[in-house]
Amino acid sequence: MGIGRDSRHKRNLTGARRNLHQKKRKFELGRPAAMTRIGTKRIRLIRTLGGNTKRRALRLDTGNFSWGTETNSAKAKILDVVYNASNNELVRTKSLVKGCIVQIDATPFKAAYTAHYGLPKDFFSKGAPEDKVEAGSNKVQRKREKRQKNRKLEQLLVDQLVQGRLLASISSRPGQCGRADGYILEGEELAFYKRKLRSK
């Protein structure tokens, strides 16, 4: 017996059994869950209705993550699954699903941030920065000064960048499109999940 998504097998509102007047249909089929884990990229193509294909990710270790306030996105390594609102079992097995909270490598975002604002490369190190920034042309210096005026970074994000790990949420569906893309948590959302992780 395959997995079905029909409702003919359900009872009526009154509790009476329905008379089955037709068999299962191809368009009502369901498939086993992908249960995507962290590991070397492994994707399987699945033929679906109409000759279309789904990309079933079985293992993934990277994804494209966007940093909303800095309008920047980069490919980052997924390090760990830390929270899932629906099921703690998915955290234990490190399953990648839409909406789960993961830790990602902060290196590409640190590099982009320091380059954009003209900061030392070791700006997010635990000690005082020792690297020196090359003084560019007058035009470059004016551009950096203009960017520095509007530069704001909340303390929770600074702490994460110093540690080298950022909290992010996966917004794609790895079992359907074969990708684990998402966005970096910021502001109230970041504070909310920090509280959840502390109370876990």
N, C-alpha and C. Protein backbone atom coordinates (compact mmCIF):
# COMPACT_ATOMS: atom_id res chain seq x y z
N MET A 1 0.85 -1.19 0.00
CA MET A 1 0.00 0.00 0.00
C MET A 1 0.89 1.24 0.00
N GLY A 2 0.63 2.15 -0.96
CA GLY A 2 1.42 3.38 -1.01
C GLY A 2 0.86 4.43 -0.07
N ILE A 3 1.56 5.55 -0.01
CA ILE A 3 1.10 6.67 0.81
C ILE A 3 0.06 7.46 0.02
N GLY A 4 -1.12 7.63 0.58
CA GLY A 4 -2.20 8.33 -0.11
C GLY A 4 -2.54 9.65 0.57
N ARG A 5 -3.02 10.59 -0.21
CA ARG A 5 -3.43 11.88 0.36
C ARG A 5 -4.93 12.13 0.15
N ASP A 6 -5.69 11.05 -0.07
CA ASP A 6 -7.13 11.20 -0.32
C ASP A 6 -7.87 11.32 1.02
N SER A 7 -9.15 11.68 0.95
CA SER A 7 -9.95 11.78 2.17
C SER A 7 -11.15 10.82 2.12
N ARG A 8 -11.16 9.93 1.14
CA ARG A 8 -12.29 9.00 1.03
C ARG A 8 -12.30 7.98 2.15
N HIS A 9 -11.12 7.71 2.71
CA HIS A 9 -11.04 6.72 3.79
C HIS A 9 -11.51 7.30 5.13
N LYS A 10 -11.72 8.61 5.17
CA LYS A 10 -12.14 9.25 6.42
C LYS A 10 -13.63 8.99 6.69
N ARG A 11 -14.00 9.04 7.94
CA ARG A 11 -15.42 8.90 8.28
C ARG A 11 -16.15 10.22 8.09
N ASN A 12 -17.47 10.16 8.01
CA ASN A 12 -18.29 11.36 7.93
C ASN A 12 -18.23 12.13 9.25
N LEU A 13 -18.82 13.33 9.22
CA LEU A 13 -18.87 14.16 10.43
C LEU A 13 -19.61 13.44 11.56
N THR A 14 -20.60 12.64 11.17
CA THR A 14 -21.41 11.92 12.17
C THR A 14 -20.71 10.65 12.66
N GLY A 15 -19.62 10.26 12.00
CA GLY A 15 -18.90 9.05 12.41
C GLY A 15 -19.21 7.85 11.55
N ALA A 16 -20.07 8.03 10.54
CA ALA A 16 -20.43 6.90 9.67
C ALA A 16 -19.32 6.63 8.67
N ARG A 17 -19.15 5.36 8.31
CA ARG A 17 -18.17 5.00 7.29
C ARG A 17 -18.69 5.38 5.91
N ARG A 18 -17.81 5.90 5.08
CA ARG A 18 -18.20 6.24 3.70
C ARG A 18 -18.13 5.01 2.82
N ASN A 19 -19.01 4.96 1.82
CA ASN A 19 -18.92 3.91 0.80
C ASN A 19 -17.84 4.31 -0.21
N LEU A 20 -16.88 3.41 -0.45
CA LEU A 20 -15.81 3.70 -1.41
C LEU A 20 -16.31 3.42 -2.81
N HIS A 21 -16.39 4.44 -3.64
CA HIS A 21 -16.89 4.25 -5.01
C HIS A 21 -15.78 4.30 -6.04
N GLN A 22 -14.53 4.59 -5.61
CA GLN A 22 -13.42 4.57 -6.58
C GLN A 22 -12.14 4.20 -5.85
N LYS A 23 -11.15 3.76 -6.63
CA LYS A 23 -9.86 3.34 -6.07
C LYS A 23 -8.93 4.54 -5.93
N LYS A 24 -7.71 4.23 -5.50
CA LYS A 24 -6.72 5.30 -5.37
C LYS A 24 -6.36 5.86 -6.74
N ARG A 25 -6.01 7.13 -6.77
CA ARG A 25 -5.63 7.79 -8.02
C ARG A 25 -4.18 8.23 -7.98
N LYS A 26 -3.55 8.25 -9.14
CA LYS A 26 -2.13 8.61 -9.22
C LYS A 26 -1.87 10.01 -8.66
N PHE A 27 -2.79 10.95 -8.93
CA PHE A 27 -2.56 12.33 -8.49
C PHE A 27 -2.75 12.51 -6.98
N GLU A 28 -3.18 11.45 -6.29
CA GLU A 28 -3.35 11.53 -4.84
C GLU A 28 -2.17 10.92 -4.07
N LEU A 29 -1.14 10.51 -4.81
CA LEU A 29 -0.06 9.80 -4.14
C LEU A 29 0.76 10.72 -3.23
N GLY A 30 1.39 10.14 -2.23
CA GLY A 30 2.35 10.84 -1.38
C GLY A 30 3.66 10.09 -1.42
N ARG A 31 4.74 10.75 -1.04
CA ARG A 31 6.05 10.09 -1.04
C ARG A 31 6.67 10.18 0.35
N PRO A 32 7.62 9.29 0.64
CA PRO A 32 8.28 9.35 1.95
C PRO A 32 9.04 10.67 2.11
N ALA A 33 9.16 11.14 3.34
CA ALA A 33 9.87 12.40 3.62
C ALA A 33 11.34 12.26 3.25
N ALA A 34 11.95 13.36 2.81
CA ALA A 34 13.35 13.35 2.38
C ALA A 34 14.30 13.20 3.56
N MET A 35 13.95 13.80 4.72
CA MET A 35 14.79 13.79 5.92
C MET A 35 16.23 14.22 5.58
N THR A 36 16.35 15.39 4.97
CA THR A 36 17.65 15.90 4.56
C THR A 36 18.55 16.13 5.77
N ARG A 37 19.78 15.63 5.70
CA ARG A 37 20.74 15.77 6.80
C ARG A 37 21.92 16.63 6.36
N ILE A 38 22.78 16.97 7.33
CA ILE A 38 24.00 17.71 7.02
C ILE A 38 25.06 16.71 6.57
N GLY A 39 25.65 16.97 5.41
CA GLY A 39 26.68 16.08 4.87
C GLY A 39 27.04 16.48 3.46
N THR A 40 27.94 15.74 2.83
CA THR A 40 28.36 16.03 1.46
C THR A 40 27.15 15.98 0.54
N LYS A 41 27.05 16.96 -0.35
CA LYS A 41 25.87 17.15 -1.20
C LYS A 41 25.47 15.86 -1.93
N ARG A 42 24.21 15.47 -1.71
CA ARG A 42 23.67 14.27 -2.38
C ARG A 42 22.22 14.57 -2.75
N ILE A 43 21.93 14.63 -4.05
CA ILE A 43 20.59 15.00 -4.53
C ILE A 43 20.08 13.93 -5.49
N ARG A 44 18.81 13.60 -5.39
CA ARG A 44 18.18 12.63 -6.30
C ARG A 44 17.06 13.33 -7.06
N LEU A 45 16.96 13.06 -8.36
CA LEU A 45 15.89 13.62 -9.16
C LEU A 45 14.68 12.69 -9.12
N ILE A 46 13.50 13.27 -8.96
CA ILE A 46 12.26 12.47 -8.90
C ILE A 46 11.32 12.95 -9.99
N ARG A 47 10.83 12.01 -10.81
CA ARG A 47 9.88 12.38 -11.85
C ARG A 47 8.51 12.55 -11.21
N THR A 48 7.85 13.65 -11.53
CA THR A 48 6.54 13.94 -10.94
C THR A 48 5.49 14.06 -12.05
N LEU A 49 4.27 14.36 -11.66
CA LEU A 49 3.16 14.46 -12.60
C LEU A 49 3.46 15.49 -13.69
N GLY A 50 3.15 15.12 -14.92
CA GLY A 50 3.38 16.03 -16.05
C GLY A 50 4.80 15.99 -16.57
N GLY A 51 5.60 15.02 -16.11
CA GLY A 51 6.98 14.93 -16.58
C GLY A 51 7.91 15.93 -15.91
N ASN A 52 7.42 16.62 -14.90
CA ASN A 52 8.28 17.56 -14.18
C ASN A 52 9.19 16.81 -13.21
N THR A 53 10.16 17.52 -12.64
CA THR A 53 11.07 16.87 -11.71
C THR A 53 11.17 17.64 -10.40
N LYS A 54 11.37 16.89 -9.32
CA LYS A 54 11.68 17.47 -8.02
C LYS A 54 13.12 17.10 -7.70
N ARG A 55 13.78 17.97 -6.98
CA ARG A 55 15.15 17.69 -6.56
C ARG A 55 15.12 17.34 -5.07
N ARG A 56 15.26 16.07 -4.80
CA ARG A 56 15.19 15.58 -3.42
C ARG A 56 16.59 15.57 -2.81
N ALA A 57 16.86 16.53 -1.93
CA ALA A 57 18.17 16.61 -1.28
C ALA A 57 18.22 15.63 -0.11
N LEU A 58 19.18 14.71 -0.14
CA LEU A 58 19.36 13.76 0.96
C LEU A 58 20.43 14.24 1.93
N ARG A 59 21.47 14.92 1.38
CA ARG A 59 22.54 15.51 2.19
C ARG A 59 22.89 16.88 1.61
N LEU A 60 23.06 17.86 2.48
CA LEU A 60 23.49 19.20 2.07
C LEU A 60 24.41 19.77 3.15
N ASP A 61 25.42 20.55 2.74
CA ASP A 61 26.29 21.17 3.74
C ASP A 61 26.52 22.66 3.49
N THR A 62 25.95 23.20 2.40
CA THR A 62 26.08 24.64 2.12
C THR A 62 24.75 25.20 1.65
N GLY A 63 24.65 26.53 1.67
CA GLY A 63 23.45 27.19 1.17
C GLY A 63 23.71 28.67 0.97
N ASN A 64 22.83 29.33 0.22
CA ASN A 64 22.91 30.78 0.03
C ASN A 64 22.11 31.46 1.13
N PHE A 65 22.77 32.33 1.88
CA PHE A 65 22.11 33.02 2.98
C PHE A 65 22.21 34.53 2.77
N SER A 66 21.10 35.22 3.00
CA SER A 66 21.07 36.67 2.79
C SER A 66 21.08 37.40 4.12
N TRP A 67 21.76 38.54 4.12
CA TRP A 67 21.85 39.42 5.29
C TRP A 67 21.01 40.64 4.95
N GLY A 68 19.79 40.68 5.47
CA GLY A 68 18.80 41.66 5.05
C GLY A 68 19.21 43.11 5.21
N THR A 69 19.66 43.48 6.42
CA THR A 69 19.97 44.90 6.67
C THR A 69 21.20 45.37 5.90
N GLU A 70 22.08 44.45 5.55
CA GLU A 70 23.28 44.83 4.79
C GLU A 70 23.11 44.56 3.28
N THR A 71 21.93 44.11 2.88
CA THR A 71 21.63 43.76 1.47
C THR A 71 22.79 42.99 0.84
N ASN A 72 23.15 41.91 1.51
CA ASN A 72 24.28 41.10 1.05
C ASN A 72 23.91 39.63 1.20
N SER A 73 24.31 38.82 0.25
CA SER A 73 24.09 37.38 0.37
C SER A 73 25.36 36.64 -0.04
N ALA A 74 25.56 35.49 0.56
CA ALA A 74 26.78 34.72 0.28
C ALA A 74 26.51 33.24 0.50
N LYS A 75 27.33 32.44 -0.15
CA LYS A 75 27.27 31.00 0.04
C LYS A 75 28.03 30.67 1.32
N ALA A 76 27.37 29.98 2.25
CA ALA A 76 28.00 29.70 3.54
C ALA A 76 27.83 28.23 3.91
N LYS A 77 28.76 27.74 4.70
CA LYS A 77 28.72 26.35 5.15
C LYS A 77 27.76 26.21 6.33
N ILE A 78 26.90 25.21 6.28
CA ILE A 78 25.98 24.93 7.39
C ILE A 78 26.72 24.06 8.40
N LEU A 79 26.80 24.54 9.64
CA LEU A 79 27.59 23.84 10.66
C LEU A 79 26.74 22.94 11.56
N ASP A 80 25.53 23.41 11.91
CA ASP A 80 24.74 22.65 12.88
C ASP A 80 23.28 23.08 12.84
N VAL A 81 22.38 22.17 13.24
CA VAL A 81 20.96 22.52 13.44
C VAL A 81 20.76 22.70 14.93
N VAL A 82 20.27 23.88 15.34
CA VAL A 82 20.19 24.18 16.77
C VAL A 82 18.76 24.26 17.31
N TYR A 83 17.77 24.50 16.44
CA TYR A 83 16.40 24.64 16.93
C TYR A 83 15.40 24.31 15.84
N ASN A 84 14.30 23.65 16.25
CA ASN A 84 13.20 23.39 15.33
C ASN A 84 11.91 23.47 16.14
N ALA A 85 11.03 24.38 15.76
CA ALA A 85 9.82 24.63 16.53
C ALA A 85 8.88 23.43 16.51
N SER A 86 8.94 22.61 15.46
CA SER A 86 7.96 21.54 15.31
C SER A 86 8.35 20.27 16.06
N ASN A 87 9.66 19.96 16.14
CA ASN A 87 10.04 18.65 16.66
C ASN A 87 11.51 18.65 17.10
N ASN A 88 11.76 18.31 18.36
CA ASN A 88 13.15 18.23 18.85
C ASN A 88 13.92 17.07 18.23
N GLU A 89 13.20 16.06 17.76
CA GLU A 89 13.85 14.91 17.12
C GLU A 89 14.60 15.36 15.86
N LEU A 90 14.06 16.38 15.17
CA LEU A 90 14.71 16.89 13.96
C LEU A 90 16.00 17.65 14.30
N VAL A 91 16.10 18.15 15.54
CA VAL A 91 17.34 18.79 15.98
C VAL A 91 18.38 17.72 16.29
N ARG A 92 17.93 16.67 16.98
CA ARG A 92 18.84 15.58 17.37
C ARG A 92 19.46 14.90 16.14
N THR A 93 18.63 14.70 15.11
CA THR A 93 19.12 14.05 13.88
C THR A 93 19.72 15.04 12.90
N LYS A 94 19.75 16.34 13.25
CA LYS A 94 20.30 17.40 12.40
C LYS A 94 19.65 17.41 11.01
N SER A 95 18.31 17.36 11.01
CA SER A 95 17.56 17.36 9.76
C SER A 95 17.33 18.79 9.27
N LEU A 96 17.54 19.02 7.98
CA LEU A 96 17.35 20.33 7.38
C LEU A 96 15.95 20.40 6.78
N VAL A 97 15.09 21.23 7.37
CA VAL A 97 13.74 21.44 6.86
C VAL A 97 13.45 22.93 6.84
N LYS A 98 12.42 23.32 6.11
CA LYS A 98 12.05 24.73 6.06
C LYS A 98 11.69 25.22 7.47
N GLY A 99 12.23 26.38 7.84
CA GLY A 99 11.90 26.98 9.13
C GLY A 99 12.81 26.58 10.27
N CYS A 100 13.74 25.65 10.05
CA CYS A 100 14.64 25.26 11.14
C CYS A 100 15.74 26.31 11.30
N ILE A 101 16.27 26.42 12.52
CA ILE A 101 17.31 27.39 12.83
C ILE A 101 18.66 26.68 12.81
N VAL A 102 19.58 27.20 12.01
CA VAL A 102 20.89 26.57 11.86
C VAL A 102 22.01 27.55 12.21
N GLN A 103 23.17 27.01 12.49
CA GLN A 103 24.38 27.82 12.65
C GLN A 103 25.18 27.72 11.37
N ILE A 104 25.61 28.88 10.84
CA ILE A 104 26.39 28.90 9.60
C ILE A 104 27.73 29.59 9.83
N ASP A 105 28.67 29.33 8.94
CA ASP A 105 30.00 29.94 9.02
C ASP A 105 29.91 31.42 8.67
N ALA A 106 30.46 32.28 9.54
CA ALA A 106 30.33 33.72 9.36
C ALA A 106 31.44 34.33 8.48
N THR A 107 32.41 33.53 8.06
CA THR A 107 33.59 34.07 7.34
C THR A 107 33.24 34.92 6.12
N PRO A 108 32.38 34.44 5.19
CA PRO A 108 32.09 35.27 4.00
C PRO A 108 31.40 36.59 4.34
N PHE A 109 30.60 36.60 5.40
CA PHE A 109 29.89 37.83 5.78
C PHE A 109 30.83 38.82 6.48
N LYS A 110 31.78 38.29 7.26
CA LYS A 110 32.77 39.17 7.88
C LYS A 110 33.62 39.85 6.81
N ALA A 111 34.04 39.06 5.81
CA ALA A 111 34.88 39.61 4.73
C ALA A 111 34.14 40.68 3.95
N ALA A 112 32.87 40.42 3.64
CA ALA A 112 32.07 41.39 2.87
C ALA A 112 31.84 42.67 3.67
N TYR A 113 31.57 42.52 4.97
CA TYR A 113 31.29 43.68 5.83
C TYR A 113 32.51 44.58 5.97
N THR A 114 33.67 43.98 6.25
CA THR A 114 34.89 44.77 6.44
C THR A 114 35.32 45.45 5.14
N ALA A 115 35.13 44.76 4.01
CA ALA A 115 35.50 45.35 2.71
C ALA A 115 34.57 46.51 2.36
N HIS A 116 33.29 46.37 2.66
CA HIS A 116 32.30 47.39 2.31
C HIS A 116 32.53 48.69 3.10
N TYR A 117 32.85 48.55 4.39
CA TYR A 117 33.00 49.73 5.24
C TYR A 117 34.46 50.18 5.41
N GLY A 118 35.39 49.48 4.75
CA GLY A 118 36.80 49.87 4.86
C GLY A 118 37.36 49.66 6.24
N LEU A 119 37.03 48.52 6.86
CA LEU A 119 37.50 48.19 8.21
C LEU A 119 38.66 47.20 8.13
N PRO A 120 39.46 47.09 9.21
CA PRO A 120 40.54 46.08 9.21
C PRO A 120 39.97 44.67 9.06
N LYS A 121 40.76 43.78 8.44
CA LYS A 121 40.27 42.42 8.20
C LYS A 121 40.00 41.67 9.50
N ASP A 122 40.75 42.01 10.56
CA ASP A 122 40.54 41.34 11.84
C ASP A 122 39.65 42.18 12.78
N PHE A 123 38.74 42.96 12.20
CA PHE A 123 37.85 43.83 12.97
C PHE A 123 36.99 43.04 13.94
N PHE A 124 36.59 41.81 13.54
CA PHE A 124 35.73 40.97 14.38
C PHE A 124 36.53 39.93 15.17
N SER A 125 37.81 40.22 15.46
CA SER A 125 38.60 39.31 16.28
C SER A 125 38.34 39.63 17.76
N LYS A 126 38.72 38.72 18.64
CA LYS A 126 38.43 38.90 20.07
C LYS A 126 39.25 40.03 20.69
N GLY A 127 40.48 40.23 20.21
CA GLY A 127 41.31 41.32 20.71
C GLY A 127 41.11 42.59 19.88
N ALA A 128 42.00 43.55 20.11
CA ALA A 128 41.95 44.79 19.32
C ALA A 128 42.48 44.52 17.91
N PRO A 129 41.87 45.11 16.87
CA PRO A 129 42.35 44.86 15.50
C PRO A 129 43.77 45.38 15.29
N GLU A 130 44.58 44.55 14.62
CA GLU A 130 45.98 44.91 14.37
C GLU A 130 46.24 45.24 12.90
N ASP A 131 45.43 44.69 12.01
CA ASP A 131 45.61 44.96 10.58
C ASP A 131 45.38 46.43 10.27
N LYS A 132 46.06 46.91 9.24
CA LYS A 132 45.86 48.29 8.80
C LYS A 132 45.15 48.30 7.46
N VAL A 133 44.26 49.27 7.29
CA VAL A 133 43.51 49.39 6.04
C VAL A 133 44.30 50.27 5.08
N GLU A 134 44.42 49.81 3.85
CA GLU A 134 45.13 50.60 2.85
C GLU A 134 44.33 51.87 2.54
N ALA A 135 45.02 52.99 2.60
CA ALA A 135 44.35 54.26 2.27
C ALA A 135 44.21 54.34 0.76
N GLY A 136 43.00 54.33 0.27
CA GLY A 136 42.76 54.40 -1.16
C GLY A 136 42.81 55.84 -1.66
N SER A 137 42.24 56.04 -2.82
CA SER A 137 42.19 57.39 -3.40
C SER A 137 41.23 58.26 -2.58
N ASN A 138 41.23 59.54 -2.87
CA ASN A 138 40.33 60.46 -2.16
C ASN A 138 38.87 60.06 -2.35
N LYS A 139 38.56 59.60 -3.55
CA LYS A 139 37.18 59.19 -3.86
C LYS A 139 36.78 57.99 -2.98
N VAL A 140 37.71 57.04 -2.86
CA VAL A 140 37.44 55.84 -2.05
C VAL A 140 37.27 56.22 -0.58
N GLN A 141 38.12 57.13 -0.10
CA GLN A 141 38.03 57.56 1.29
C GLN A 141 36.70 58.27 1.58
N ARG A 142 36.27 59.11 0.65
CA ARG A 142 34.97 59.79 0.82
C ARG A 142 33.82 58.79 0.85
N LYS A 143 33.93 57.79 -0.02
CA LYS A 143 32.88 56.75 -0.07
C LYS A 143 32.82 55.98 1.25
N ARG A 144 33.99 55.64 1.81
CA ARG A 144 34.03 54.91 3.08
C ARG A 144 33.48 55.75 4.22
N GLU A 145 33.83 57.04 4.23
CA GLU A 145 33.34 57.93 5.29
C GLU A 145 31.81 58.07 5.24
N LYS A 146 31.29 58.13 4.02
CA LYS A 146 29.83 58.23 3.85
C LYS A 146 29.13 56.96 4.37
N ARG A 147 29.73 55.80 4.08
CA ARG A 147 29.17 54.54 4.53
C ARG A 147 29.27 54.40 6.05
N GLN A 148 30.36 54.90 6.62
CA GLN A 148 30.58 54.77 8.07
C GLN A 148 29.54 55.55 8.87
N LYS A 149 29.03 56.64 8.30
CA LYS A 149 28.05 57.46 9.01
C LYS A 149 26.79 56.67 9.35
N ASN A 150 26.36 55.81 8.42
CA ASN A 150 25.10 55.05 8.60
C ASN A 150 25.34 53.63 9.13
N ARG A 151 26.57 53.33 9.55
CA ARG A 151 26.89 51.96 9.96
C ARG A 151 26.34 51.67 11.35
N LYS A 152 25.46 50.67 11.42
CA LYS A 152 24.89 50.21 12.70
C LYS A 152 24.92 48.70 12.71
N LEU A 153 25.30 48.14 13.85
CA LEU A 153 25.33 46.69 13.98
C LEU A 153 24.96 46.33 15.42
N GLU A 154 23.88 45.56 15.57
CA GLU A 154 23.42 45.24 16.92
C GLU A 154 24.41 44.32 17.63
N GLN A 155 24.43 44.41 18.94
CA GLN A 155 25.45 43.72 19.75
C GLN A 155 25.35 42.20 19.62
N LEU A 156 24.12 41.67 19.52
CA LEU A 156 23.97 40.22 19.38
C LEU A 156 24.65 39.70 18.11
N LEU A 157 24.56 40.49 17.03
CA LEU A 157 25.22 40.10 15.78
C LEU A 157 26.73 40.22 15.89
N VAL A 158 27.20 41.27 16.56
CA VAL A 158 28.65 41.45 16.75
C VAL A 158 29.23 40.26 17.50
N ASP A 159 28.55 39.84 18.56
CA ASP A 159 29.02 38.70 19.36
C ASP A 159 29.12 37.44 18.50
N GLN A 160 28.13 37.23 17.63
CA GLN A 160 28.14 36.05 16.77
C GLN A 160 29.27 36.12 15.74
N LEU A 161 29.49 37.31 15.17
CA LEU A 161 30.55 37.49 14.18
C LEU A 161 31.93 37.26 14.80
N VAL A 162 32.09 37.67 16.05
CA VAL A 162 33.36 37.43 16.75
C VAL A 162 33.57 35.93 16.95
N GLN A 163 32.49 35.22 17.30
CA GLN A 163 32.58 33.76 17.48
C GLN A 163 32.79 33.03 16.15
N GLY A 164 32.36 33.66 15.04
CA GLY A 164 32.51 33.03 13.73
C GLY A 164 31.34 32.17 13.32
N ARG A 165 30.23 32.26 14.08
CA ARG A 165 29.03 31.47 13.75
C ARG A 165 27.80 32.37 13.82
N LEU A 166 26.97 32.31 12.79
CA LEU A 166 25.75 33.12 12.73
C LEU A 166 24.53 32.22 12.79
N LEU A 167 23.49 32.69 13.46
CA LEU A 167 22.22 31.96 13.45
C LEU A 167 21.42 32.36 12.22
N ALA A 168 20.89 31.39 11.52
CA ALA A 168 20.12 31.66 10.30
C ALA A 168 18.91 30.74 10.26
N SER A 169 17.91 31.15 9.49
CA SER A 169 16.71 30.34 9.31
C SER A 169 16.65 29.87 7.86
N ILE A 170 16.31 28.62 7.66
CA ILE A 170 16.19 28.07 6.30
C ILE A 170 14.80 28.39 5.77
N SER A 171 14.76 29.03 4.60
CA SER A 171 13.47 29.45 4.04
C SER A 171 13.10 28.67 2.77
N SER A 172 14.03 27.86 2.26
CA SER A 172 13.70 27.02 1.10
C SER A 172 13.27 25.63 1.60
N ARG A 173 12.86 24.78 0.66
CA ARG A 173 12.42 23.43 1.02
C ARG A 173 13.40 22.40 0.45
N PRO A 174 14.35 21.95 1.27
CA PRO A 174 15.42 21.07 0.75
C PRO A 174 14.91 19.79 0.09
N GLY A 175 13.80 19.26 0.59
CA GLY A 175 13.27 18.02 0.03
C GLY A 175 12.54 18.21 -1.28
N GLN A 176 12.25 19.46 -1.66
CA GLN A 176 11.50 19.73 -2.89
C GLN A 176 12.38 20.37 -3.97
N CYS A 177 13.23 21.32 -3.55
CA CYS A 177 14.03 22.04 -4.55
C CYS A 177 15.52 21.71 -4.46
N GLY A 178 15.91 20.91 -3.47
CA GLY A 178 17.30 20.48 -3.39
C GLY A 178 18.26 21.54 -2.91
N ARG A 179 17.77 22.57 -2.25
CA ARG A 179 18.63 23.65 -1.77
C ARG A 179 18.27 23.99 -0.32
N ALA A 180 19.28 24.45 0.43
CA ALA A 180 19.06 24.89 1.81
C ALA A 180 19.45 26.35 1.92
N ASP A 181 18.62 27.22 1.34
CA ASP A 181 18.88 28.67 1.37
C ASP A 181 18.07 29.31 2.49
N GLY A 182 18.53 30.48 2.94
CA GLY A 182 17.80 31.14 4.02
C GLY A 182 18.30 32.54 4.27
N TYR A 183 18.07 33.02 5.49
CA TYR A 183 18.44 34.39 5.85
C TYR A 183 18.99 34.42 7.27
N ILE A 184 19.85 35.41 7.53
CA ILE A 184 20.46 35.58 8.85
C ILE A 184 19.44 36.21 9.80
N LEU A 185 19.36 35.69 10.99
CA LEU A 185 18.42 36.23 11.99
C LEU A 185 18.92 37.56 12.55
N GLU A 186 18.01 38.52 12.65
CA GLU A 186 18.36 39.85 13.16
C GLU A 186 17.22 40.39 14.02
N GLY A 187 17.53 41.43 14.80
CA GLY A 187 16.51 42.17 15.53
C GLY A 187 15.71 41.32 16.50
N GLU A 188 14.38 41.54 16.50
CA GLU A 188 13.50 40.85 17.44
C GLU A 188 13.48 39.35 17.21
N GLU A 189 13.59 38.95 15.95
CA GLU A 189 13.57 37.51 15.64
C GLU A 189 14.79 36.82 16.24
N LEU A 190 15.96 37.46 16.12
CA LEU A 190 17.18 36.90 16.71
C LEU A 190 17.06 36.82 18.23
N ALA A 191 16.55 37.88 18.86
CA ALA A 191 16.38 37.90 20.32
C ALA A 191 15.43 36.80 20.76
N PHE A 192 14.36 36.58 19.98
CA PHE A 192 13.37 35.54 20.29
C PHE A 192 14.01 34.15 20.29
N TYR A 193 14.77 33.84 19.23
CA TYR A 193 15.38 32.51 19.15
C TYR A 193 16.53 32.34 20.15
N LYS A 194 17.19 33.43 20.51
CA LYS A 194 18.23 33.36 21.55
C LYS A 194 17.59 32.94 22.89
N ARG A 195 16.42 33.53 23.17
CA ARG A 195 15.69 33.15 24.39
C ARG A 195 15.27 31.69 24.36
N LYS A 196 14.80 31.25 23.20
CA LYS A 196 14.36 29.86 23.05
C LYS A 196 15.53 28.90 23.28
N LEU A 197 16.70 29.25 22.75
CA LEU A 197 17.87 28.38 22.88
C LEU A 197 18.36 28.33 24.33
N ARG A 198 18.24 29.47 25.04
CA ARG A 198 18.66 29.48 26.45
C ARG A 198 17.76 28.64 27.31
N SER A 199 16.45 28.62 27.00
CA SER A 199 15.48 27.89 27.82
C SER A 199 15.38 26.42 27.42
N LYS A 200 16.06 26.03 26.34
CA LYS A 200 15.93 24.65 25.84
C LYS A 200 16.63 23.66 26.78
